[in-house]
Amino acid sequence: MSDCEKILKQLCQQFQCKAWVCEKVGRRMSYLAPLKAGEERYSEPMVLFEDDRFVLFVQCDQINEEMKSWGWKVVDCVRRHFDENYQPS
């Protein structure tokens, strides 16, 4: 997932935020360990991007359209990685 990690780190550097990706598992969310970047902030986590399978959380002051675009890139990368590497048998 190194490509996804790079995009996530770029997002955090550009917007001075902390971000992490979770996978939806039924009613719960499972944190994806390598997909966490940025400095700890003392603010409420917000959903930057969500689809039917993944959620990208951020801690930041404000979300804007450019940040949402980066969030889409991160989740799209994660989705492609899972689709390519974790096919059901």
N, C-alpha and C. Protein backbone atom coordinates (compact mmCIF):
# COMPACT_ATOMS: atom_id res chain seq x y z
N MET A 1 0.81 -1.20 0.00
CA MET A 1 0.00 0.00 0.00
C MET A 1 0.85 1.26 0.00
N SER A 2 2.09 1.15 -0.36
CA SER A 2 2.98 2.29 -0.25
C SER A 2 2.52 3.48 -1.09
N ASP A 3 1.90 3.24 -2.25
CA ASP A 3 1.38 4.36 -3.04
C ASP A 3 0.29 5.10 -2.27
N CYS A 4 -0.58 4.35 -1.63
CA CYS A 4 -1.67 4.96 -0.86
C CYS A 4 -1.11 5.73 0.34
N GLU A 5 -0.09 5.15 0.97
CA GLU A 5 0.54 5.82 2.11
C GLU A 5 1.17 7.14 1.68
N LYS A 6 1.80 7.16 0.51
CA LYS A 6 2.41 8.39 0.00
C LYS A 6 1.38 9.47 -0.24
N ILE A 7 0.26 9.10 -0.85
CA ILE A 7 -0.80 10.08 -1.11
C ILE A 7 -1.35 10.62 0.22
N LEU A 8 -1.54 9.72 1.18
CA LEU A 8 -2.05 10.13 2.49
C LEU A 8 -1.09 11.09 3.19
N LYS A 9 0.21 10.80 3.11
CA LYS A 9 1.21 11.69 3.72
C LYS A 9 1.23 13.05 3.03
N GLN A 10 1.08 13.06 1.71
CA GLN A 10 1.04 14.33 0.98
C GLN A 10 -0.17 15.15 1.40
N LEU A 11 -1.31 14.48 1.56
CA LEU A 11 -2.53 15.15 2.03
C LEU A 11 -2.27 15.82 3.38
N CYS A 12 -1.67 15.08 4.30
CA CYS A 12 -1.42 15.60 5.65
C CYS A 12 -0.42 16.76 5.64
N GLN A 13 0.60 16.66 4.82
CA GLN A 13 1.58 17.74 4.74
C GLN A 13 0.98 18.99 4.14
N GLN A 14 0.21 18.83 3.08
CA GLN A 14 -0.36 19.99 2.40
C GLN A 14 -1.38 20.72 3.25
N PHE A 15 -2.17 19.97 4.01
CA PHE A 15 -3.27 20.59 4.76
C PHE A 15 -3.03 20.63 6.27
N GLN A 16 -1.82 20.26 6.70
CA GLN A 16 -1.49 20.31 8.13
C GLN A 16 -2.55 19.61 8.97
N CYS A 17 -2.78 18.35 8.65
CA CYS A 17 -3.82 17.60 9.35
C CYS A 17 -3.32 16.20 9.70
N LYS A 18 -4.11 15.49 10.44
CA LYS A 18 -3.88 14.07 10.71
C LYS A 18 -4.98 13.33 9.98
N ALA A 19 -4.64 12.18 9.38
CA ALA A 19 -5.64 11.42 8.63
C ALA A 19 -5.40 9.93 8.79
N TRP A 20 -6.47 9.16 8.71
CA TRP A 20 -6.37 7.71 8.77
C TRP A 20 -7.56 7.10 8.05
N VAL A 21 -7.35 5.87 7.58
CA VAL A 21 -8.37 5.17 6.79
C VAL A 21 -8.89 3.98 7.59
N CYS A 22 -10.20 3.78 7.52
CA CYS A 22 -10.84 2.63 8.15
C CYS A 22 -11.66 1.89 7.10
N GLU A 23 -11.76 0.58 7.29
CA GLU A 23 -12.61 -0.24 6.43
C GLU A 23 -13.89 -0.55 7.21
N LYS A 24 -15.02 -0.45 6.54
CA LYS A 24 -16.29 -0.79 7.17
C LYS A 24 -16.43 -2.30 7.23
N VAL A 25 -16.73 -2.80 8.42
CA VAL A 25 -16.95 -4.23 8.63
C VAL A 25 -18.28 -4.35 9.36
N GLY A 26 -19.33 -4.56 8.59
CA GLY A 26 -20.66 -4.57 9.19
C GLY A 26 -20.98 -3.20 9.76
N ARG A 27 -21.33 -3.16 11.04
CA ARG A 27 -21.63 -1.89 11.71
C ARG A 27 -20.39 -1.24 12.31
N ARG A 28 -19.28 -1.93 12.25
CA ARG A 28 -18.04 -1.43 12.86
C ARG A 28 -17.08 -0.95 11.80
N MET A 29 -16.02 -0.30 12.27
CA MET A 29 -14.96 0.14 11.38
C MET A 29 -13.65 -0.43 11.87
N SER A 30 -12.88 -0.93 10.92
CA SER A 30 -11.59 -1.52 11.23
C SER A 30 -10.50 -0.58 10.73
N TYR A 31 -9.67 -0.15 11.64
CA TYR A 31 -8.57 0.76 11.32
C TYR A 31 -7.53 0.01 10.49
N LEU A 32 -7.08 0.61 9.39
CA LEU A 32 -6.05 0.01 8.54
C LEU A 32 -4.70 0.57 8.97
N ALA A 33 -3.95 -0.22 9.71
CA ALA A 33 -2.74 0.23 10.41
C ALA A 33 -1.74 1.04 9.58
N PRO A 34 -1.36 0.64 8.39
CA PRO A 34 -0.34 1.45 7.70
C PRO A 34 -0.89 2.77 7.16
N LEU A 35 -2.20 2.93 7.16
CA LEU A 35 -2.79 4.12 6.55
C LEU A 35 -3.16 5.16 7.59
N LYS A 36 -2.12 5.72 8.20
CA LYS A 36 -2.27 6.77 9.19
C LYS A 36 -1.10 7.73 8.99
N ALA A 37 -1.39 9.03 8.98
CA ALA A 37 -0.31 10.00 8.76
C ALA A 37 -0.68 11.33 9.43
N GLY A 38 0.33 12.14 9.62
CA GLY A 38 0.13 13.48 10.16
C GLY A 38 0.36 13.57 11.65
N GLU A 39 0.38 14.79 12.11
CA GLU A 39 0.59 15.08 13.53
C GLU A 39 -0.73 15.05 14.30
N GLU A 40 -0.66 14.55 15.51
CA GLU A 40 -1.83 14.51 16.40
C GLU A 40 -2.36 15.92 16.60
N ARG A 41 -3.67 16.07 16.52
CA ARG A 41 -4.31 17.38 16.73
C ARG A 41 -5.38 17.21 17.79
N TYR A 42 -5.68 18.28 18.44
CA TYR A 42 -6.70 18.24 19.48
C TYR A 42 -8.00 18.80 18.93
N SER A 43 -8.57 18.07 17.98
CA SER A 43 -9.85 18.45 17.40
C SER A 43 -10.62 17.18 17.09
N GLU A 44 -11.92 17.35 16.93
CA GLU A 44 -12.79 16.21 16.64
C GLU A 44 -12.44 15.60 15.29
N PRO A 45 -12.41 14.29 15.20
CA PRO A 45 -12.23 13.66 13.88
C PRO A 45 -13.46 13.95 13.02
N MET A 46 -13.22 14.21 11.74
CA MET A 46 -14.30 14.46 10.79
C MET A 46 -14.14 13.49 9.63
N VAL A 47 -15.24 13.15 9.00
CA VAL A 47 -15.20 12.29 7.82
C VAL A 47 -14.88 13.18 6.62
N LEU A 48 -13.74 12.92 5.98
CA LEU A 48 -13.37 13.67 4.78
C LEU A 48 -13.97 13.00 3.55
N PHE A 49 -13.95 11.67 3.52
CA PHE A 49 -14.49 10.94 2.38
C PHE A 49 -15.00 9.60 2.86
N GLU A 50 -16.12 9.17 2.29
CA GLU A 50 -16.71 7.88 2.66
C GLU A 50 -17.38 7.27 1.45
N ASP A 51 -17.18 5.98 1.29
CA ASP A 51 -17.94 5.24 0.29
C ASP A 51 -18.55 4.03 0.98
N ASP A 52 -19.01 3.06 0.21
CA ASP A 52 -19.68 1.91 0.82
C ASP A 52 -18.74 0.99 1.58
N ARG A 53 -17.42 1.17 1.39
CA ARG A 53 -16.46 0.24 2.00
C ARG A 53 -15.42 0.90 2.91
N PHE A 54 -15.03 2.15 2.62
CA PHE A 54 -13.96 2.80 3.36
C PHE A 54 -14.37 4.19 3.83
N VAL A 55 -13.71 4.63 4.91
CA VAL A 55 -13.92 5.98 5.45
C VAL A 55 -12.54 6.60 5.71
N LEU A 56 -12.39 7.84 5.29
CA LEU A 56 -11.15 8.59 5.55
C LEU A 56 -11.48 9.66 6.58
N PHE A 57 -10.88 9.55 7.75
CA PHE A 57 -11.07 10.51 8.83
C PHE A 57 -9.92 11.51 8.84
N VAL A 58 -10.21 12.73 9.23
CA VAL A 58 -9.17 13.75 9.39
C VAL A 58 -9.41 14.53 10.67
N GLN A 59 -8.31 15.05 11.21
CA GLN A 59 -8.38 16.04 12.29
C GLN A 59 -7.76 17.30 11.70
N CYS A 60 -8.58 18.31 11.52
CA CYS A 60 -8.12 19.56 10.92
C CYS A 60 -9.04 20.68 11.36
N ASP A 61 -8.66 21.90 10.97
CA ASP A 61 -9.48 23.05 11.32
C ASP A 61 -10.70 23.18 10.42
N GLN A 62 -10.51 22.91 9.13
CA GLN A 62 -11.59 23.10 8.18
C GLN A 62 -11.36 22.22 6.96
N ILE A 63 -12.44 21.70 6.40
CA ILE A 63 -12.38 20.89 5.19
C ILE A 63 -12.79 21.76 4.01
N ASN A 64 -11.99 21.70 2.92
CA ASN A 64 -12.36 22.44 1.72
C ASN A 64 -12.43 21.49 0.53
N GLU A 65 -12.80 22.01 -0.63
CA GLU A 65 -13.00 21.16 -1.81
C GLU A 65 -11.70 20.51 -2.28
N GLU A 66 -10.58 21.23 -2.20
CA GLU A 66 -9.31 20.65 -2.61
C GLU A 66 -8.94 19.47 -1.71
N MET A 67 -9.21 19.62 -0.43
CA MET A 67 -8.93 18.55 0.52
C MET A 67 -9.81 17.33 0.22
N LYS A 68 -11.07 17.56 -0.13
CA LYS A 68 -11.97 16.46 -0.48
C LYS A 68 -11.47 15.72 -1.71
N SER A 69 -10.91 16.47 -2.66
CA SER A 69 -10.36 15.85 -3.86
C SER A 69 -9.20 14.92 -3.51
N TRP A 70 -8.32 15.36 -2.61
CA TRP A 70 -7.22 14.52 -2.13
C TRP A 70 -7.76 13.29 -1.41
N GLY A 71 -8.81 13.48 -0.63
CA GLY A 71 -9.43 12.36 0.08
C GLY A 71 -9.95 11.31 -0.87
N TRP A 72 -10.55 11.76 -1.97
CA TRP A 72 -11.03 10.83 -2.98
C TRP A 72 -9.87 10.02 -3.55
N LYS A 73 -8.73 10.68 -3.81
CA LYS A 73 -7.55 10.00 -4.35
C LYS A 73 -7.06 8.91 -3.40
N VAL A 74 -7.03 9.22 -2.11
CA VAL A 74 -6.57 8.24 -1.11
C VAL A 74 -7.48 7.02 -1.10
N VAL A 75 -8.78 7.23 -0.98
CA VAL A 75 -9.72 6.11 -0.89
C VAL A 75 -9.75 5.33 -2.20
N ASP A 76 -9.64 6.00 -3.33
CA ASP A 76 -9.60 5.31 -4.61
C ASP A 76 -8.38 4.39 -4.69
N CYS A 77 -7.24 4.86 -4.21
CA CYS A 77 -6.01 4.05 -4.18
C CYS A 77 -6.20 2.83 -3.28
N VAL A 78 -6.77 3.04 -2.11
CA VAL A 78 -7.00 1.94 -1.16
C VAL A 78 -7.96 0.92 -1.77
N ARG A 79 -9.02 1.40 -2.38
CA ARG A 79 -10.00 0.51 -3.01
C ARG A 79 -9.35 -0.34 -4.10
N ARG A 80 -8.55 0.30 -4.96
CA ARG A 80 -7.86 -0.44 -6.02
C ARG A 80 -6.90 -1.48 -5.44
N HIS A 81 -6.17 -1.10 -4.39
CA HIS A 81 -5.24 -2.04 -3.74
C HIS A 81 -5.99 -3.27 -3.22
N PHE A 82 -7.11 -3.06 -2.53
CA PHE A 82 -7.87 -4.19 -1.98
C PHE A 82 -8.47 -5.03 -3.09
N ASP A 83 -8.98 -4.40 -4.14
CA ASP A 83 -9.57 -5.15 -5.25
C ASP A 83 -8.54 -6.01 -5.96
N GLU A 84 -7.32 -5.51 -6.10
CA GLU A 84 -6.25 -6.25 -6.79
C GLU A 84 -5.64 -7.35 -5.94
N ASN A 85 -5.59 -7.16 -4.63
CA ASN A 85 -4.84 -8.07 -3.77
C ASN A 85 -5.67 -8.98 -2.87
N TYR A 86 -6.93 -8.70 -2.72
CA TYR A 86 -7.73 -9.50 -1.78
C TYR A 86 -9.02 -9.99 -2.44
N GLN A 87 -8.87 -10.75 -3.50
CA GLN A 87 -10.02 -11.32 -4.18
C GLN A 87 -10.55 -12.51 -3.38
N PRO A 88 -11.87 -12.61 -3.24
CA PRO A 88 -12.43 -13.77 -2.53
C PRO A 88 -12.14 -15.05 -3.29
N SER A 89 -11.93 -16.13 -2.55
CA SER A 89 -11.60 -17.40 -3.21
C SER A 89 -12.84 -18.24 -3.47
